[in-house]
Amino acid sequence: MNTYSRRPRIRTLAAMIAVVASILFAGSTAYGQPVGFGNATNLGTLRNQASGWNLWANHTVRSTPGVVGYHTYRFDVAGSQMVTVTLTAPTKTVAVVLFNSSGQPTKIAGNNDPKFTVSMSAGTYYLRTIANPNTTTSYRLTVNGMPNVIIAPRPVLRTPTVINAPKPAPQPAPAPAPPVPQPKPVTRISYGGFVFDNHSANTTLSPTTINVGGTFRVTSTTMSIPSNARVFVTLVDVNRVPGSAGVTRFSLQRFSWSGRTLTIAGPDLALFRNRSFYVEISTWENGLPKNYAMPGIIKIQ
């Protein structure tokens, strides 16, 4: 455990964090690392993969009168990710501070707010746990990463073929009745290695032809999208084999939703003109796969 001695008495955790952040962790560097971080414990690398990646450590940190107890960790981030840092301790006597690669403190967790989530680009970051004055605390530190953008391959949907099916006998025409739309059963689908609720049979696309930069809508009678959901809208070229040369998948970023309807702005580049694309919708809730729909084909002219 690394410690830093200081004569003034530190009576509160907030005051202690302010002292450490302002005096120990100024943004100066030596040999490419922030001052005081050279002996940091290496937690490893958050790999940029669709299922996320976890790093963790267990430790005990102690402070005595006039001596601030702390322990330092470093970790690397591969690719742009949403990173959640969680500090679990039986008593509220320890905090954790996040520093960027320049040694600047950016986030603090502890006491009644034991975790934080922040978007990080690729690079090296540091965490430092700091004990409350005159305490000894054991804790568990967890770092979880989830890619900012998940684009999964389009599933291959095959239409079953019925061989030698007998022709049905002629039946009398039923009496006309007002049509009552009934939603079709919601099935399950494996999409990019994750299992989603498949709402394709109850989802429609309108209009099916737009100009470059035009707007279209996707409406579902069974798929709801809460305000905190992560939504991905993808166009897949219908004339290109997945995995072939050239770009076949495009992620759209300009869209909004209300209730069960998504309003989507199409691409505004000339390279999309006179092409047709499958439209795919997927949603994630609370970090887990939730809904999927492929409502049809959009033609851009």
Protein backbone atom coordinates (compact mmCIF):
# COMPACT_ATOMS: atom_id res chain seq x y z
CA MET A 1 0.00 0.00 0.00
CA ASN A 2 1.27 3.47 -0.88
CA THR A 3 0.80 6.26 1.67
CA TYR A 4 1.21 10.02 1.65
CA SER A 5 2.07 11.92 4.83
CA ARG A 6 0.56 15.35 5.55
CA ARG A 7 0.55 17.28 8.83
CA PRO A 8 -2.90 19.06 8.72
CA ARG A 9 -5.65 16.89 10.25
CA ILE A 10 -8.24 15.71 7.69
CA ARG A 11 -11.64 15.28 9.34
CA THR A 12 -13.98 14.31 6.44
CA LEU A 13 -13.79 12.08 3.36
CA ALA A 14 -14.68 15.01 1.08
CA ALA A 15 -11.87 17.10 2.53
CA MET A 16 -9.46 14.19 2.22
CA ILE A 17 -10.33 13.66 -1.46
CA ALA A 18 -9.88 17.38 -2.14
CA VAL A 19 -6.45 17.33 -0.48
CA VAL A 20 -5.27 14.25 -2.36
CA ALA A 21 -6.70 15.36 -5.72
CA SER A 22 -5.29 18.87 -5.50
CA ILE A 23 -1.85 18.10 -4.01
CA LEU A 24 -0.90 14.50 -4.91
CA PHE A 25 -2.52 14.22 -8.28
CA ALA A 26 -1.69 17.39 -10.16
CA GLY A 27 -1.48 16.96 -13.90
CA SER A 28 2.33 17.00 -14.18
CA THR A 29 3.99 13.93 -15.68
CA ALA A 30 7.35 12.17 -15.52
CA TYR A 31 8.55 9.58 -18.05
CA GLY A 32 5.12 9.54 -19.70
CA GLN A 33 3.13 8.74 -16.50
CA PRO A 34 1.30 10.99 -13.98
CA VAL A 35 3.31 11.68 -10.85
CA GLY A 36 2.84 8.97 -8.19
CA PHE A 37 1.37 6.42 -10.61
CA GLY A 38 4.57 4.55 -11.48
CA ASN A 39 3.88 1.71 -9.01
CA ALA A 40 0.20 1.30 -9.95
CA THR A 41 -1.25 -2.24 -9.94
CA ASN A 42 -2.09 -3.22 -13.53
CA LEU A 43 -5.70 -4.48 -13.75
CA GLY A 44 -5.36 -5.36 -17.47
CA THR A 45 -7.22 -4.30 -20.62
CA LEU A 46 -10.94 -3.77 -21.25
CA ARG A 47 -11.32 -5.60 -24.55
CA ASN A 48 -13.70 -4.12 -27.09
CA GLN A 49 -16.13 -6.99 -27.58
CA ALA A 50 -19.92 -7.09 -27.86
CA SER A 51 -20.50 -9.08 -24.65
CA GLY A 52 -18.48 -6.58 -22.58
CA TRP A 53 -15.39 -7.14 -20.40
CA ASN A 54 -14.76 -7.06 -16.63
CA LEU A 55 -11.69 -6.26 -14.50
CA TRP A 56 -11.61 -6.46 -10.71
CA ALA A 57 -9.41 -6.36 -7.61
CA ASN A 58 -9.75 -7.01 -3.86
CA HIS A 59 -7.64 -4.95 -1.43
CA THR A 60 -7.43 -3.38 2.03
CA VAL A 61 -6.50 0.28 2.52
CA ARG A 62 -5.72 1.97 5.86
CA SER A 63 -5.39 5.58 7.03
CA THR A 64 -3.92 6.74 10.35
CA PRO A 65 -3.93 10.23 11.91
CA GLY A 66 -1.84 12.43 9.64
CA VAL A 67 -1.34 9.70 6.98
CA VAL A 68 -3.71 9.23 4.02
CA GLY A 69 -3.88 5.58 2.91
CA TYR A 70 -4.41 4.88 -0.77
CA HIS A 71 -3.79 2.28 -3.48
CA THR A 72 -3.34 2.95 -7.21
CA TYR A 73 -4.49 0.90 -10.24
CA ARG A 74 -4.08 1.34 -13.98
CA PHE A 75 -6.08 -0.15 -16.82
CA ASP A 76 -6.19 0.18 -20.59
CA VAL A 77 -9.27 0.66 -22.77
CA ALA A 78 -9.31 -0.90 -26.25
CA GLY A 79 -11.72 1.07 -28.45
CA SER A 80 -14.53 3.44 -27.50
CA GLN A 81 -16.51 2.01 -24.55
CA MET A 82 -19.00 2.88 -21.80
CA VAL A 83 -17.08 2.06 -18.59
CA THR A 84 -18.69 1.54 -15.17
CA VAL A 85 -16.53 1.62 -12.03
CA THR A 86 -18.10 0.09 -8.89
CA LEU A 87 -16.65 0.23 -5.36
CA THR A 88 -18.08 -2.37 -2.96
CA ALA A 89 -17.13 -2.05 0.74
CA PRO A 90 -18.89 -3.19 3.95
CA THR A 91 -18.47 0.30 5.42
CA LYS A 92 -18.67 3.72 3.78
CA THR A 93 -15.08 4.63 4.63
CA VAL A 94 -13.33 4.45 1.26
CA ALA A 95 -13.61 6.34 -2.06
CA VAL A 96 -12.24 5.82 -5.56
CA VAL A 97 -11.03 8.56 -7.94
CA LEU A 98 -10.70 8.18 -11.74
CA PHE A 99 -7.77 9.91 -13.48
CA ASN A 100 -7.13 10.29 -17.19
CA SER A 101 -3.74 9.52 -18.76
CA SER A 102 -2.58 13.09 -17.96
CA GLY A 103 -3.22 12.61 -14.23
CA GLN A 104 -6.32 14.82 -14.10
CA PRO A 105 -9.10 13.60 -11.70
CA THR A 106 -12.41 13.25 -13.58
CA LYS A 107 -14.79 11.15 -11.45
CA ILE A 108 -15.22 10.23 -7.76
CA ALA A 109 -17.29 7.39 -6.22
CA GLY A 110 -17.84 6.50 -2.58
CA ASN A 111 -20.16 6.76 0.41
CA ASN A 112 -23.78 6.97 -0.88
CA ASP A 113 -22.77 6.97 -4.55
CA PRO A 114 -20.55 3.88 -4.94
CA LYS A 115 -20.27 3.81 -8.74
CA PHE A 116 -20.13 5.94 -11.89
CA THR A 117 -20.37 5.36 -15.64
CA VAL A 118 -18.38 7.36 -18.21
CA SER A 119 -17.69 7.13 -21.96
CA MET A 120 -14.00 6.45 -22.60
CA SER A 121 -11.92 6.43 -25.75
CA ALA A 122 -8.97 4.07 -26.24
CA GLY A 123 -6.08 4.80 -23.87
CA THR A 124 -4.65 4.33 -20.36
CA TYR A 125 -6.53 5.38 -17.22
CA TYR A 126 -5.86 5.27 -13.48
CA LEU A 127 -7.97 4.59 -10.37
CA ARG A 128 -6.97 5.42 -6.82
CA THR A 129 -8.80 4.17 -3.71
CA ILE A 130 -8.51 6.46 -0.69
CA ALA A 131 -9.35 5.51 2.91
CA ASN A 132 -11.34 7.72 5.28
CA PRO A 133 -9.12 9.22 8.01
CA ASN A 134 -8.12 6.76 10.75
CA THR A 135 -9.86 3.71 9.17
CA THR A 136 -8.97 0.31 7.76
CA THR A 137 -11.30 -0.86 4.95
CA SER A 138 -11.41 -3.95 2.74
CA TYR A 139 -13.16 -3.48 -0.59
CA ARG A 140 -13.78 -4.92 -4.07
CA LEU A 141 -13.17 -2.73 -7.10
CA THR A 142 -14.90 -3.71 -10.38
CA VAL A 143 -14.40 -2.14 -13.83
CA ASN A 144 -16.91 -3.11 -16.55
CA GLY A 145 -16.70 -2.09 -20.21
CA MET A 146 -19.38 -2.25 -22.92
CA PRO A 147 -18.79 -1.10 -26.55
CA ASN A 148 -20.48 2.19 -27.46
CA VAL A 149 -21.72 0.74 -30.77
CA ILE A 150 -22.74 -2.85 -31.40
CA ILE A 151 -23.30 -3.87 -35.03
CA ALA A 152 -24.11 -7.56 -35.28
CA PRO A 153 -24.25 -9.52 -38.53
CA ARG A 154 -27.66 -9.85 -40.16
CA PRO A 155 -29.23 -13.24 -39.47
CA VAL A 156 -29.99 -15.45 -42.44
CA LEU A 157 -33.76 -15.87 -42.57
CA ARG A 158 -34.83 -18.87 -44.59
CA THR A 159 -38.34 -19.58 -45.82
CA PRO A 160 -39.34 -23.20 -45.19
CA THR A 161 -40.06 -25.22 -48.34
CA VAL A 162 -43.00 -27.65 -48.34
CA ILE A 163 -42.53 -30.56 -50.75
CA ASN A 164 -45.51 -32.45 -52.23
CA ALA A 165 -48.01 -30.59 -50.10
CA PRO A 166 -51.56 -31.73 -50.92
CA LYS A 167 -53.88 -29.11 -52.33
CA PRO A 168 -56.66 -28.23 -49.92
CA ALA A 169 -60.20 -29.13 -50.92
CA PRO A 170 -62.35 -26.21 -52.07
CA GLN A 171 -64.16 -24.56 -49.20
CA PRO A 172 -67.23 -22.35 -49.28
CA ALA A 173 -66.46 -18.69 -48.90
CA PRO A 174 -66.99 -17.53 -45.30
CA ALA A 175 -69.42 -14.80 -44.54
CA PRO A 176 -67.70 -11.40 -44.68
CA ALA A 177 -66.77 -9.96 -41.30
CA PRO A 178 -65.06 -6.77 -40.27
CA PRO A 179 -61.30 -7.40 -40.19
CA VAL A 180 -59.90 -7.42 -36.68
CA PRO A 181 -56.10 -7.14 -36.73
CA GLN A 182 -54.51 -9.65 -34.40
CA PRO A 183 -50.82 -9.51 -33.54
CA LYS A 184 -48.83 -12.54 -34.53
CA PRO A 185 -46.84 -14.43 -31.87
CA VAL A 186 -43.52 -12.85 -30.88
CA THR A 187 -40.79 -15.41 -31.47
CA ARG A 188 -37.13 -15.57 -30.39
CA ILE A 189 -34.15 -15.04 -32.69
CA SER A 190 -30.39 -15.44 -32.37
CA TYR A 191 -28.81 -12.26 -33.76
CA GLY A 192 -25.05 -11.73 -33.66
CA GLY A 193 -24.65 -14.29 -30.90
CA PHE A 194 -27.38 -12.75 -28.70
CA VAL A 195 -31.01 -13.83 -28.28
CA PHE A 196 -33.69 -11.19 -28.94
CA ASP A 197 -37.50 -11.08 -28.99
CA ASN A 198 -38.32 -11.07 -32.72
CA HIS A 199 -41.09 -8.56 -33.61
CA SER A 200 -40.57 -8.66 -37.39
CA ALA A 201 -44.03 -10.15 -38.09
CA ASN A 202 -45.76 -7.25 -36.29
CA THR A 203 -43.59 -4.39 -37.60
CA THR A 204 -44.13 -2.30 -40.76
CA LEU A 205 -42.08 0.15 -42.83
CA SER A 206 -43.51 3.31 -44.44
CA PRO A 207 -42.83 4.58 -47.03
CA THR A 208 -40.78 1.93 -48.78
CA THR A 209 -39.18 4.41 -51.24
CA ILE A 210 -37.44 7.66 -50.24
CA ASN A 211 -35.08 10.19 -51.78
CA VAL A 212 -31.52 10.59 -50.52
CA GLY A 213 -31.81 12.24 -47.08
CA GLY A 214 -35.52 11.41 -46.86
CA THR A 215 -37.40 10.22 -43.75
CA PHE A 216 -39.24 6.94 -43.14
CA ARG A 217 -41.05 5.34 -40.19
CA VAL A 218 -40.99 1.93 -38.53
CA THR A 219 -44.11 1.02 -36.51
CA SER A 220 -44.68 -2.08 -34.38
CA THR A 221 -47.86 -3.33 -32.69
CA THR A 222 -45.90 -5.40 -30.15
CA MET A 223 -42.46 -3.81 -29.67
CA SER A 224 -42.28 -0.96 -27.16
CA ILE A 225 -39.15 1.15 -26.69
CA PRO A 226 -38.64 2.81 -23.27
CA SER A 227 -36.85 6.13 -23.05
CA ASN A 228 -33.70 4.59 -21.50
CA ALA A 229 -33.25 1.91 -24.20
CA ARG A 230 -30.20 1.77 -26.50
CA VAL A 231 -31.51 1.61 -30.07
CA PHE A 232 -29.56 0.59 -33.19
CA VAL A 233 -30.83 1.19 -36.73
CA THR A 234 -28.90 -0.59 -39.49
CA LEU A 235 -29.18 -0.69 -43.30
CA VAL A 236 -27.98 -3.87 -45.05
CA ASP A 237 -27.37 -3.83 -48.82
CA VAL A 238 -29.74 -6.42 -50.36
CA ASN A 239 -27.46 -6.93 -53.37
CA ARG A 240 -24.22 -7.61 -51.49
CA VAL A 241 -23.26 -10.86 -49.83
CA PRO A 242 -22.34 -10.30 -46.14
CA GLY A 243 -18.57 -10.53 -45.78
CA SER A 244 -17.89 -9.66 -49.44
CA ALA A 245 -15.62 -6.79 -50.53
CA GLY A 246 -16.98 -3.31 -49.89
CA VAL A 247 -19.25 -1.93 -47.19
CA THR A 248 -22.54 -3.83 -46.89
CA ARG A 249 -23.82 -2.52 -43.52
CA PHE A 250 -24.47 1.06 -42.44
CA SER A 251 -25.49 2.33 -38.98
CA LEU A 252 -27.95 5.27 -38.97
CA GLN A 253 -27.58 7.77 -36.13
CA ARG A 254 -30.42 10.26 -36.78
CA PHE A 255 -33.69 8.89 -35.42
CA SER A 256 -36.24 9.39 -32.65
CA TRP A 257 -39.10 7.36 -31.24
CA SER A 258 -42.47 7.88 -29.60
CA GLY A 259 -44.42 4.94 -28.24
CA ARG A 260 -44.11 2.13 -30.79
CA THR A 261 -43.02 4.29 -33.78
CA LEU A 262 -39.46 5.11 -34.86
CA THR A 263 -38.94 8.12 -37.18
CA ILE A 264 -35.66 7.65 -39.07
CA ALA A 265 -33.68 10.06 -41.28
CA GLY A 266 -32.12 8.19 -44.20
CA PRO A 267 -28.53 8.72 -45.39
CA ASP A 268 -27.89 11.94 -47.29
CA LEU A 269 -24.88 10.86 -49.37
CA ALA A 270 -25.05 10.32 -53.12
CA LEU A 271 -23.46 6.86 -52.86
CA PHE A 272 -26.78 5.53 -51.46
CA ARG A 273 -28.80 6.61 -54.51
CA ASN A 274 -30.52 3.87 -56.54
CA ARG A 275 -29.83 1.18 -53.93
CA SER A 276 -32.07 -0.99 -51.77
CA PHE A 277 -31.44 -2.02 -48.16
CA TYR A 278 -32.92 -4.27 -45.50
CA VAL A 279 -33.88 -2.18 -42.44
CA GLU A 280 -32.94 -3.74 -39.09
CA ILE A 281 -33.88 -2.50 -35.60
CA SER A 282 -32.36 -3.86 -32.38
CA THR A 283 -32.70 -2.59 -28.81
CA TRP A 284 -30.82 -3.16 -25.54
CA GLU A 285 -32.25 -2.50 -22.08
CA ASN A 286 -30.22 -2.44 -18.85
CA GLY A 287 -27.21 -3.78 -20.76
CA LEU A 288 -29.08 -6.83 -22.11
CA PRO A 289 -30.44 -7.66 -25.60
CA LYS A 290 -34.20 -7.07 -25.79
CA ASN A 291 -35.95 -6.56 -29.15
CA TYR A 292 -35.25 -7.13 -32.86
CA ALA A 293 -37.27 -6.37 -35.99
CA MET A 294 -36.67 -6.41 -39.76
CA PRO A 295 -39.77 -4.63 -41.12
CA GLY A 296 -38.80 -4.73 -44.82
CA ILE A 297 -36.74 -3.17 -47.61
CA ILE A 298 -36.22 0.57 -48.19
CA LYS A 299 -35.34 1.85 -51.67
CA ILE A 300 -33.35 5.09 -51.91
CA GLN A 301 -33.61 7.00 -55.19
